[in-house]
Amino acid sequence: MIRHILMIRWKDTFTDEIRAKWVDGLEKMQGAIPGLIHLSHGQDILKTEKSWDHVIIADFISVEDIAEYNTHPAHEAIKPYSLPNAAELAYVDFEIPQGQEHLS
């Protein structure tokens, strides 16, 4: 299993209206994108100086599934909300060995 983590810091242009559309699109991805096992996300609640604003954690069967996710229409549909409004993005993708999925 491959875990994809994305952290975002938003610009002031990321309004509540845009956020609602973006979150709706995120939630529609589960079950719509082949190879996507699970997707969770959340807005930071501590809001410290070092905090990021939002995190997405998505689990995939394979690296190839991440490539499909990146260009899938359900993912493309939220990019107009997120990309112009993202001040910073940080990604990490790592493998979770078979049999250790329950530990994650």
C-alpha atoms as a PDB file:
ATOM      1  CA  MET A   1       0.000   0.000   0.000  1.00  0.00           C
ATOM      2  CA  ILE A   2       1.191   3.516  -0.769  1.00  0.00           C
ATOM      3  CA  ARG A   3       0.269   6.420   1.513  1.00  0.00           C
ATOM      4  CA  HIS A   4       0.097   9.887  -0.052  1.00  0.00           C
ATOM      5  CA  ILE A   5       0.133  12.857   2.318  1.00  0.00           C
ATOM      6  CA  LEU A   6      -0.449  16.426   1.186  1.00  0.00           C
ATOM      7  CA  MET A   7      -0.260  19.452   3.467  1.00  0.00           C
ATOM      8  CA  ILE A   8      -1.545  22.843   2.329  1.00  0.00           C
ATOM      9  CA  ARG A   9      -1.165  26.413   3.526  1.00  0.00           C
ATOM     10  CA  TRP A  10      -3.920  28.574   2.080  1.00  0.00           C
ATOM     11  CA  LYS A  11      -3.828  32.122   0.796  1.00  0.00           C
ATOM     12  CA  ASP A  12      -6.401  34.597   2.087  1.00  0.00           C
ATOM     13  CA  THR A  13      -8.268  34.029  -1.199  1.00  0.00           C
ATOM     14  CA  PHE A  14      -9.409  30.586   0.037  1.00  0.00           C
ATOM     15  CA  THR A  15     -12.843  31.670   1.220  1.00  0.00           C
ATOM     16  CA  ASP A  16     -15.425  29.597   3.080  1.00  0.00           C
ATOM     17  CA  GLU A  17     -17.428  29.290  -0.165  1.00  0.00           C
ATOM     18  CA  ILE A  18     -14.422  27.949  -2.065  1.00  0.00           C
ATOM     19  CA  ARG A  19     -13.554  25.642   0.849  1.00  0.00           C
ATOM     20  CA  ALA A  20     -17.065  24.135   0.824  1.00  0.00           C
ATOM     21  CA  LYS A  21     -16.825  23.330  -2.902  1.00  0.00           C
ATOM     22  CA  TRP A  22     -13.316  21.933  -2.509  1.00  0.00           C
ATOM     23  CA  VAL A  23     -14.259  19.723   0.464  1.00  0.00           C
ATOM     24  CA  ASP A  24     -17.352  18.471  -1.382  1.00  0.00           C
ATOM     25  CA  GLY A  25     -15.133  17.467  -4.286  1.00  0.00           C
ATOM     26  CA  LEU A  26     -12.655  15.743  -1.973  1.00  0.00           C
ATOM     27  CA  GLU A  27     -15.400  13.703  -0.392  1.00  0.00           C
ATOM     28  CA  LYS A  28     -16.716  12.621  -3.794  1.00  0.00           C
ATOM     29  CA  MET A  29     -13.349  11.018  -4.639  1.00  0.00           C
ATOM     30  CA  GLN A  30     -13.817   8.070  -2.274  1.00  0.00           C
ATOM     31  CA  GLY A  31     -15.154   5.196  -4.360  1.00  0.00           C
ATOM     32  CA  ALA A  32     -14.792   7.148  -7.615  1.00  0.00           C
ATOM     33  CA  ILE A  33     -11.069   6.734  -8.278  1.00  0.00           C
ATOM     34  CA  PRO A  34      -9.720   3.256  -9.061  1.00  0.00           C
ATOM     35  CA  GLY A  35      -6.978   2.152  -6.685  1.00  0.00           C
ATOM     36  CA  LEU A  36      -7.888   4.706  -4.010  1.00  0.00           C
ATOM     37  CA  ILE A  37      -8.425   2.613  -0.889  1.00  0.00           C
ATOM     38  CA  HIS A  38      -9.189   5.396   1.571  1.00  0.00           C
ATOM     39  CA  LEU A  39      -9.048   9.181   1.727  1.00  0.00           C
ATOM     40  CA  SER A  40      -9.230  11.282   4.874  1.00  0.00           C
ATOM     41  CA  HIS A  41      -8.613  14.968   5.338  1.00  0.00           C
ATOM     42  CA  GLY A  42      -8.909  17.668   7.932  1.00  0.00           C
ATOM     43  CA  GLN A  43      -8.432  21.295   8.753  1.00  0.00           C
ATOM     44  CA  ASP A  44      -5.806  22.174  11.382  1.00  0.00           C
ATOM     45  CA  ILE A  45      -7.312  22.930  14.781  1.00  0.00           C
ATOM     46  CA  LEU A  46      -4.273  24.227  16.709  1.00  0.00           C
ATOM     47  CA  LYS A  47      -3.319  27.005  14.284  1.00  0.00           C
ATOM     48  CA  THR A  48       0.233  27.360  15.600  1.00  0.00           C
ATOM     49  CA  GLU A  49       2.936  29.268  13.770  1.00  0.00           C
ATOM     50  CA  LYS A  50       4.285  25.996  12.332  1.00  0.00           C
ATOM     51  CA  SER A  51       0.892  24.466  11.495  1.00  0.00           C
ATOM     52  CA  TRP A  52      -0.283  23.766   7.991  1.00  0.00           C
ATOM     53  CA  ASP A  53      -3.922  24.617   7.230  1.00  0.00           C
ATOM     54  CA  HIS A  54      -5.186  21.317   5.823  1.00  0.00           C
ATOM     55  CA  VAL A  55      -3.952  17.765   5.346  1.00  0.00           C
ATOM     56  CA  ILE A  56      -5.054  15.022   2.973  1.00  0.00           C
ATOM     57  CA  ILE A  57      -4.082  11.404   3.613  1.00  0.00           C
ATOM     58  CA  ALA A  58      -4.861   9.019   0.789  1.00  0.00           C
ATOM     59  CA  ASP A  59      -4.020   5.319   0.601  1.00  0.00           C
ATOM     60  CA  PHE A  60      -3.506   3.598  -2.743  1.00  0.00           C
ATOM     61  CA  ILE A  61      -2.887   0.062  -3.876  1.00  0.00           C
ATOM     62  CA  SER A  62       0.137   1.012  -5.998  1.00  0.00           C
ATOM     63  CA  VAL A  63       2.307   3.881  -7.217  1.00  0.00           C
ATOM     64  CA  GLU A  64       0.562   3.591 -10.582  1.00  0.00           C
ATOM     65  CA  ASP A  65      -2.748   4.299  -8.852  1.00  0.00           C
ATOM     66  CA  ILE A  66      -1.370   7.611  -7.564  1.00  0.00           C
ATOM     67  CA  ALA A  67      -0.513   8.557 -11.146  1.00  0.00           C
ATOM     68  CA  GLU A  68      -4.098   7.763 -12.187  1.00  0.00           C
ATOM     69  CA  TYR A  69      -5.464   9.744  -9.218  1.00  0.00           C
ATOM     70  CA  ASN A  70      -3.395  12.788 -10.198  1.00  0.00           C
ATOM     71  CA  THR A  71      -5.160  13.054 -13.574  1.00  0.00           C
ATOM     72  CA  HIS A  72      -8.556  11.532 -12.725  1.00  0.00           C
ATOM     73  CA  PRO A  73     -11.556  13.805 -13.523  1.00  0.00           C
ATOM     74  CA  ALA A  74     -12.689  13.751  -9.852  1.00  0.00           C
ATOM     75  CA  HIS A  75      -9.298  15.107  -8.797  1.00  0.00           C
ATOM     76  CA  GLU A  76      -9.082  17.559 -11.693  1.00  0.00           C
ATOM     77  CA  ALA A  77     -12.473  18.962 -10.608  1.00  0.00           C
ATOM     78  CA  ILE A  78     -11.092  20.314  -7.313  1.00  0.00           C
ATOM     79  CA  LYS A  79      -7.835  21.753  -8.654  1.00  0.00           C
ATOM     80  CA  PRO A  80      -9.439  25.059  -9.755  1.00  0.00           C
ATOM     81  CA  TYR A  81     -10.417  25.602  -6.111  1.00  0.00           C
ATOM     82  CA  SER A  82      -7.163  24.534  -4.505  1.00  0.00           C
ATOM     83  CA  LEU A  83      -4.239  25.348  -6.774  1.00  0.00           C
ATOM     84  CA  PRO A  84      -4.851  29.093  -7.252  1.00  0.00           C
ATOM     85  CA  ASN A  85      -5.474  29.460  -3.509  1.00  0.00           C
ATOM     86  CA  ALA A  86      -2.562  27.414  -2.177  1.00  0.00           C
ATOM     87  CA  ALA A  87       0.327  29.420  -0.777  1.00  0.00           C
ATOM     88  CA  GLU A  88       2.414  26.292  -0.096  1.00  0.00           C
ATOM     89  CA  LEU A  89       2.110  22.566  -0.722  1.00  0.00           C
ATOM     90  CA  ALA A  90       4.140  19.739   0.825  1.00  0.00           C
ATOM     91  CA  TYR A  91       3.879  16.104  -0.289  1.00  0.00           C
ATOM     92  CA  VAL A  92       5.216  12.778   0.860  1.00  0.00           C
ATOM     93  CA  ASP A  93       4.481   9.337  -0.552  1.00  0.00           C
ATOM     94  CA  PHE A  94       5.682   6.204   1.212  1.00  0.00           C
ATOM     95  CA  GLU A  95       5.124   2.482   1.182  1.00  0.00           C
ATOM     96  CA  ILE A  96       3.389   0.709   4.041  1.00  0.00           C
ATOM     97  CA  PRO A  97       4.562  -2.919   4.006  1.00  0.00           C
ATOM     98  CA  GLN A  98       1.953  -5.609   3.516  1.00  0.00           C
ATOM     99  CA  GLY A  99       0.643  -6.797   6.857  1.00  0.00           C
ATOM    100  CA  GLN A 100       1.333  -3.464   8.580  1.00  0.00           C
ATOM    101  CA  GLU A 101      -1.666  -1.556   7.186  1.00  0.00           C
ATOM    102  CA  HIS A 102      -3.444  -1.885  10.535  1.00  0.00           C
ATOM    103  CA  LEU A 103      -0.572  -0.064  12.249  1.00  0.00           C
ATOM    104  CA  SER A 104      -1.078   3.058  10.157  1.00  0.00           C
END
